[in-house]
Amino acid sequence: EVQLVESGGGLVQAGGSLRLSCVVSGVSIDEYSIGWFRQAPGKEREGISCLSSSDGSTYYADSVKGRFTISSASAKNTVYLEMETLKAEDTAVYYCASCDGLVWGQGTLVTVSS
């Protein structure tokens, strides 16, 4: 069974940084593309980043491009999302998930105060 467990959310001031972690079990991240989604209050869930297991290519939504960086540590089977220059509109529940949307973590709340 594939399981994803996020951590690292919290409260941060606008302009600050946070790093989210996603520990993956049940499958190697070298074989399964993992990404990050988010859902802000009253809004639809948005796919914001994906890391391809096949070639290491990355995808970023325009809303986070240049501010967020996805990376991984194979030895820890963990995917990270480094978030910088955070804005109030980044406030959301952030989910680690397979890039195909089939497997989801429980989510971690990020709140950015302005």
N, C-alpha and C. Protein backbone atom coordinates (compact mmCIF):
# COMPACT_ATOMS: atom_id res chain seq x y z
N GLU A 1 0.84 -1.19 0.00
CA GLU A 1 0.00 0.00 0.00
C GLU A 1 0.88 1.25 0.00
N VAL A 2 0.58 2.14 -0.91
CA VAL A 2 1.34 3.39 -0.98
C VAL A 2 0.76 4.38 0.02
N GLN A 3 1.62 4.97 0.81
CA GLN A 3 1.20 5.99 1.78
C GLN A 3 2.09 7.21 1.66
N LEU A 4 1.47 8.37 1.82
CA LEU A 4 2.18 9.64 1.76
C LEU A 4 1.88 10.41 3.04
N VAL A 5 2.90 10.90 3.70
CA VAL A 5 2.72 11.63 4.95
C VAL A 5 3.45 12.96 4.85
N GLU A 6 2.67 14.04 4.91
CA GLU A 6 3.24 15.37 4.82
C GLU A 6 3.58 15.92 6.21
N SER A 7 4.50 16.84 6.23
CA SER A 7 4.81 17.59 7.43
C SER A 7 5.44 18.92 7.03
N GLY A 8 5.52 19.83 7.99
CA GLY A 8 6.21 21.08 7.74
C GLY A 8 5.33 22.30 7.60
N GLY A 9 4.03 22.10 7.62
CA GLY A 9 3.14 23.25 7.53
C GLY A 9 3.18 24.08 8.80
N GLY A 10 2.56 25.24 8.74
CA GLY A 10 2.52 26.10 9.91
C GLY A 10 2.17 27.51 9.55
N LEU A 11 2.40 28.41 10.49
CA LEU A 11 2.11 29.83 10.31
C LEU A 11 3.41 30.57 10.01
N VAL A 12 3.37 31.38 8.98
CA VAL A 12 4.54 32.14 8.59
C VAL A 12 4.10 33.52 8.11
N GLN A 13 4.96 34.49 8.30
CA GLN A 13 4.64 35.84 7.82
C GLN A 13 4.88 35.95 6.32
N ALA A 14 4.16 36.84 5.71
CA ALA A 14 4.34 37.10 4.29
C ALA A 14 5.81 37.45 4.03
N GLY A 15 6.33 36.89 2.96
CA GLY A 15 7.74 37.07 2.64
C GLY A 15 8.64 36.00 3.20
N GLY A 16 8.10 35.18 4.08
CA GLY A 16 8.88 34.14 4.72
C GLY A 16 8.95 32.87 3.89
N SER A 17 9.55 31.85 4.50
CA SER A 17 9.77 30.58 3.82
C SER A 17 9.32 29.41 4.68
N LEU A 18 8.99 28.32 4.02
CA LEU A 18 8.68 27.06 4.69
C LEU A 18 9.13 25.93 3.78
N ARG A 19 9.44 24.80 4.39
CA ARG A 19 9.73 23.60 3.62
C ARG A 19 8.79 22.48 4.05
N LEU A 20 8.06 21.99 3.08
CA LEU A 20 7.19 20.84 3.32
C LEU A 20 7.92 19.56 2.95
N SER A 21 7.63 18.52 3.71
CA SER A 21 8.21 17.21 3.43
C SER A 21 7.09 16.20 3.20
N CYS A 22 7.36 15.25 2.35
CA CYS A 22 6.42 14.17 2.06
C CYS A 22 7.19 12.86 2.10
N VAL A 23 6.96 12.09 3.14
CA VAL A 23 7.60 10.79 3.25
C VAL A 23 6.71 9.76 2.57
N VAL A 24 7.29 9.06 1.64
CA VAL A 24 6.55 8.08 0.84
C VAL A 24 6.92 6.67 1.28
N SER A 25 5.92 5.83 1.43
CA SER A 25 6.16 4.42 1.74
C SER A 25 5.33 3.55 0.81
N GLY A 26 5.82 2.36 0.58
CA GLY A 26 5.10 1.43 -0.27
C GLY A 26 5.52 1.45 -1.73
N VAL A 27 6.29 2.47 -2.11
CA VAL A 27 6.79 2.57 -3.49
C VAL A 27 8.01 3.48 -3.47
N SER A 28 8.90 3.26 -4.39
CA SER A 28 10.08 4.13 -4.48
C SER A 28 9.75 5.38 -5.27
N ILE A 29 10.19 6.53 -4.79
CA ILE A 29 9.96 7.77 -5.52
C ILE A 29 10.77 7.81 -6.81
N ASP A 30 11.72 6.88 -6.94
CA ASP A 30 12.45 6.78 -8.20
C ASP A 30 11.61 6.11 -9.28
N GLU A 31 10.47 5.55 -8.87
CA GLU A 31 9.60 4.85 -9.82
C GLU A 31 8.20 5.45 -9.90
N TYR A 32 7.91 6.40 -9.04
CA TYR A 32 6.54 6.92 -8.95
C TYR A 32 6.63 8.43 -8.80
N SER A 33 6.02 9.13 -9.76
CA SER A 33 6.09 10.60 -9.75
C SER A 33 5.20 11.17 -8.64
N ILE A 34 5.80 12.03 -7.85
CA ILE A 34 5.11 12.63 -6.71
C ILE A 34 5.07 14.14 -6.89
N GLY A 35 3.98 14.74 -6.46
CA GLY A 35 3.86 16.18 -6.58
C GLY A 35 3.12 16.79 -5.42
N TRP A 36 2.83 18.06 -5.56
CA TRP A 36 2.14 18.82 -4.53
C TRP A 36 0.92 19.52 -5.11
N PHE A 37 -0.14 19.47 -4.34
CA PHE A 37 -1.38 20.16 -4.67
C PHE A 37 -1.73 21.04 -3.48
N ARG A 38 -2.63 21.97 -3.68
CA ARG A 38 -3.10 22.77 -2.56
C ARG A 38 -4.56 23.15 -2.76
N GLN A 39 -5.23 23.39 -1.66
CA GLN A 39 -6.61 23.85 -1.72
C GLN A 39 -6.79 24.98 -0.72
N ALA A 40 -7.05 26.14 -1.27
CA ALA A 40 -7.30 27.32 -0.45
C ALA A 40 -8.76 27.36 -0.05
N PRO A 41 -9.08 28.04 1.03
CA PRO A 41 -10.48 28.14 1.47
C PRO A 41 -11.39 28.66 0.36
N GLY A 42 -12.44 27.91 0.07
CA GLY A 42 -13.40 28.34 -0.93
C GLY A 42 -12.96 28.18 -2.36
N LYS A 43 -11.81 27.54 -2.57
CA LYS A 43 -11.30 27.38 -3.93
C LYS A 43 -11.12 25.90 -4.28
N GLU A 44 -10.99 25.63 -5.56
CA GLU A 44 -10.76 24.27 -6.01
C GLU A 44 -9.32 23.86 -5.74
N ARG A 45 -9.12 22.56 -5.64
CA ARG A 45 -7.78 22.05 -5.46
C ARG A 45 -6.94 22.35 -6.69
N GLU A 46 -5.71 22.75 -6.47
CA GLU A 46 -4.82 23.19 -7.56
C GLU A 46 -3.54 22.36 -7.54
N GLY A 47 -3.15 21.85 -8.67
CA GLY A 47 -1.87 21.17 -8.79
C GLY A 47 -0.78 22.21 -8.95
N ILE A 48 0.21 22.22 -8.06
CA ILE A 48 1.21 23.28 -8.11
C ILE A 48 2.60 22.81 -8.51
N SER A 49 2.90 21.55 -8.32
CA SER A 49 4.23 21.09 -8.70
C SER A 49 4.25 19.57 -8.82
N CYS A 50 5.11 19.09 -9.71
CA CYS A 50 5.26 17.65 -9.89
C CYS A 50 6.72 17.35 -10.23
N LEU A 51 7.21 16.25 -9.72
CA LEU A 51 8.56 15.80 -10.01
C LEU A 51 8.47 14.45 -10.72
N SER A 52 8.93 14.43 -11.94
CA SER A 52 8.83 13.20 -12.73
C SER A 52 9.87 12.18 -12.27
N SER A 53 9.42 10.96 -12.03
CA SER A 53 10.34 9.90 -11.64
C SER A 53 11.12 9.37 -12.84
N SER A 54 10.61 9.59 -14.04
CA SER A 54 11.24 9.01 -15.23
C SER A 54 12.46 9.79 -15.67
N ASP A 55 12.37 11.13 -15.63
CA ASP A 55 13.50 11.92 -16.11
C ASP A 55 13.89 13.07 -15.19
N GLY A 56 13.23 13.17 -14.04
CA GLY A 56 13.57 14.23 -13.09
C GLY A 56 13.06 15.60 -13.46
N SER A 57 12.26 15.68 -14.51
CA SER A 57 11.74 16.99 -14.91
C SER A 57 10.73 17.47 -13.88
N THR A 58 10.55 18.77 -13.85
CA THR A 58 9.65 19.37 -12.87
C THR A 58 8.59 20.21 -13.56
N TYR A 59 7.47 20.33 -12.88
CA TYR A 59 6.37 21.17 -13.34
C TYR A 59 6.01 22.12 -12.20
N TYR A 60 5.73 23.36 -12.56
CA TYR A 60 5.26 24.33 -11.58
C TYR A 60 4.08 25.09 -12.17
N ALA A 61 3.07 25.30 -11.36
CA ALA A 61 1.99 26.18 -11.76
C ALA A 61 2.51 27.62 -11.82
N ASP A 62 1.90 28.41 -12.66
CA ASP A 62 2.34 29.80 -12.80
C ASP A 62 2.28 30.54 -11.47
N SER A 63 1.34 30.15 -10.63
CA SER A 63 1.13 30.85 -9.36
C SER A 63 2.30 30.69 -8.39
N VAL A 64 3.13 29.67 -8.60
CA VAL A 64 4.24 29.43 -7.68
C VAL A 64 5.60 29.43 -8.38
N LYS A 65 5.61 29.51 -9.68
CA LYS A 65 6.85 29.43 -10.43
C LYS A 65 7.82 30.53 -10.00
N GLY A 66 9.05 30.15 -9.75
CA GLY A 66 10.05 31.11 -9.32
C GLY A 66 10.12 31.30 -7.81
N ARG A 67 9.13 30.78 -7.09
CA ARG A 67 9.12 30.91 -5.63
C ARG A 67 9.19 29.57 -4.92
N PHE A 68 8.64 28.54 -5.55
CA PHE A 68 8.61 27.20 -4.96
C PHE A 68 9.57 26.29 -5.72
N THR A 69 10.17 25.36 -4.99
CA THR A 69 11.08 24.39 -5.60
C THR A 69 10.78 23.00 -5.08
N ILE A 70 10.57 22.07 -5.99
CA ILE A 70 10.34 20.69 -5.60
C ILE A 70 11.66 19.92 -5.74
N SER A 71 11.90 19.04 -4.78
CA SER A 71 13.12 18.25 -4.82
C SER A 71 12.86 16.93 -4.10
N SER A 72 13.87 16.08 -4.11
CA SER A 72 13.68 14.77 -3.47
C SER A 72 14.98 14.26 -2.89
N ALA A 73 14.83 13.32 -1.98
CA ALA A 73 15.97 12.61 -1.40
C ALA A 73 15.65 11.13 -1.51
N SER A 74 16.26 10.47 -2.47
CA SER A 74 15.94 9.07 -2.71
C SER A 74 16.23 8.19 -1.51
N ALA A 75 17.32 8.46 -0.83
CA ALA A 75 17.70 7.65 0.32
C ALA A 75 16.65 7.70 1.43
N LYS A 76 15.94 8.81 1.48
CA LYS A 76 14.89 8.97 2.49
C LYS A 76 13.50 8.74 1.91
N ASN A 77 13.44 8.46 0.60
CA ASN A 77 12.16 8.29 -0.10
C ASN A 77 11.20 9.44 0.24
N THR A 78 11.74 10.63 0.15
CA THR A 78 11.03 11.83 0.57
C THR A 78 11.07 12.89 -0.53
N VAL A 79 9.95 13.56 -0.70
CA VAL A 79 9.85 14.67 -1.65
C VAL A 79 9.61 15.93 -0.84
N TYR A 80 10.26 16.99 -1.26
CA TYR A 80 10.17 18.26 -0.54
C TYR A 80 9.55 19.34 -1.42
N LEU A 81 8.99 20.33 -0.76
CA LEU A 81 8.55 21.54 -1.45
C LEU A 81 9.07 22.72 -0.66
N GLU A 82 10.07 23.38 -1.23
CA GLU A 82 10.64 24.58 -0.62
C GLU A 82 9.83 25.76 -1.10
N MET A 83 9.27 26.50 -0.17
CA MET A 83 8.41 27.63 -0.52
C MET A 83 9.05 28.92 -0.01
N GLU A 84 9.27 29.84 -0.90
CA GLU A 84 9.90 31.11 -0.54
C GLU A 84 9.01 32.27 -0.96
N THR A 85 9.32 33.41 -0.40
CA THR A 85 8.56 34.64 -0.71
C THR A 85 7.07 34.36 -0.63
N LEU A 86 6.66 33.79 0.46
CA LEU A 86 5.26 33.39 0.62
C LEU A 86 4.35 34.60 0.68
N LYS A 87 3.17 34.42 0.12
CA LYS A 87 2.17 35.47 0.07
C LYS A 87 0.92 35.00 0.80
N ALA A 88 0.07 35.94 1.18
CA ALA A 88 -1.17 35.58 1.87
C ALA A 88 -2.00 34.60 1.03
N GLU A 89 -1.95 34.78 -0.29
CA GLU A 89 -2.74 33.91 -1.18
C GLU A 89 -2.18 32.50 -1.29
N ASP A 90 -1.03 32.24 -0.67
CA ASP A 90 -0.50 30.88 -0.61
C ASP A 90 -1.13 30.09 0.53
N THR A 91 -1.90 30.75 1.37
CA THR A 91 -2.57 30.07 2.46
C THR A 91 -3.49 28.98 1.92
N ALA A 92 -3.27 27.75 2.38
CA ALA A 92 -4.03 26.61 1.86
C ALA A 92 -3.63 25.36 2.63
N VAL A 93 -4.41 24.31 2.42
CA VAL A 93 -3.98 22.98 2.83
C VAL A 93 -3.17 22.41 1.67
N TYR A 94 -1.97 22.00 1.97
CA TYR A 94 -1.06 21.46 0.95
C TYR A 94 -1.05 19.94 1.05
N TYR A 95 -1.23 19.32 -0.09
CA TYR A 95 -1.27 17.88 -0.17
C TYR A 95 -0.12 17.34 -1.01
N CYS A 96 0.51 16.33 -0.51
CA CYS A 96 1.43 15.54 -1.29
C CYS A 96 0.60 14.45 -1.97
N ALA A 97 0.86 14.20 -3.23
CA ALA A 97 0.08 13.20 -3.96
C ALA A 97 0.88 12.67 -5.13
N SER A 98 0.47 11.53 -5.62
CA SER A 98 1.06 11.07 -6.87
C SER A 98 0.65 12.06 -7.96
N CYS A 99 1.50 12.28 -8.91
CA CYS A 99 1.21 13.28 -9.95
C CYS A 99 -0.04 12.91 -10.75
N ASP A 100 -0.38 11.62 -10.77
CA ASP A 100 -1.60 11.22 -11.47
C ASP A 100 -2.84 11.36 -10.60
N GLY A 101 -2.65 11.83 -9.36
CA GLY A 101 -3.78 12.08 -8.48
C GLY A 101 -4.45 10.86 -7.88
N LEU A 102 -3.78 9.71 -7.94
CA LEU A 102 -4.42 8.49 -7.45
C LEU A 102 -4.20 8.25 -5.97
N VAL A 103 -3.10 8.75 -5.44
CA VAL A 103 -2.77 8.52 -4.03
C VAL A 103 -2.51 9.86 -3.37
N TRP A 104 -3.09 10.05 -2.19
CA TRP A 104 -3.02 11.35 -1.52
C TRP A 104 -2.56 11.23 -0.07
N GLY A 105 -1.86 12.24 0.38
CA GLY A 105 -1.57 12.36 1.79
C GLY A 105 -2.74 13.03 2.49
N GLN A 106 -2.55 13.25 3.78
CA GLN A 106 -3.64 13.81 4.58
C GLN A 106 -3.69 15.33 4.53
N GLY A 107 -2.63 15.94 4.09
CA GLY A 107 -2.59 17.39 3.97
C GLY A 107 -1.94 18.05 5.17
N THR A 108 -1.35 19.20 4.92
CA THR A 108 -0.77 20.01 5.99
C THR A 108 -1.12 21.47 5.72
N LEU A 109 -1.52 22.17 6.76
CA LEU A 109 -2.01 23.53 6.61
C LEU A 109 -0.85 24.53 6.63
N VAL A 110 -0.86 25.40 5.64
CA VAL A 110 0.08 26.51 5.59
C VAL A 110 -0.73 27.80 5.67
N THR A 111 -0.40 28.62 6.64
CA THR A 111 -1.08 29.90 6.81
C THR A 111 -0.05 31.01 6.71
N VAL A 112 -0.29 31.93 5.79
CA VAL A 112 0.63 33.05 5.59
C VAL A 112 -0.07 34.31 6.04
N SER A 113 0.49 34.95 7.05
CA SER A 113 -0.12 36.16 7.58
C SER A 113 0.45 37.38 6.87
N SER A 114 -0.43 38.31 6.58
CA SER A 114 0.01 39.51 5.84
C SER A 114 0.29 40.66 6.79
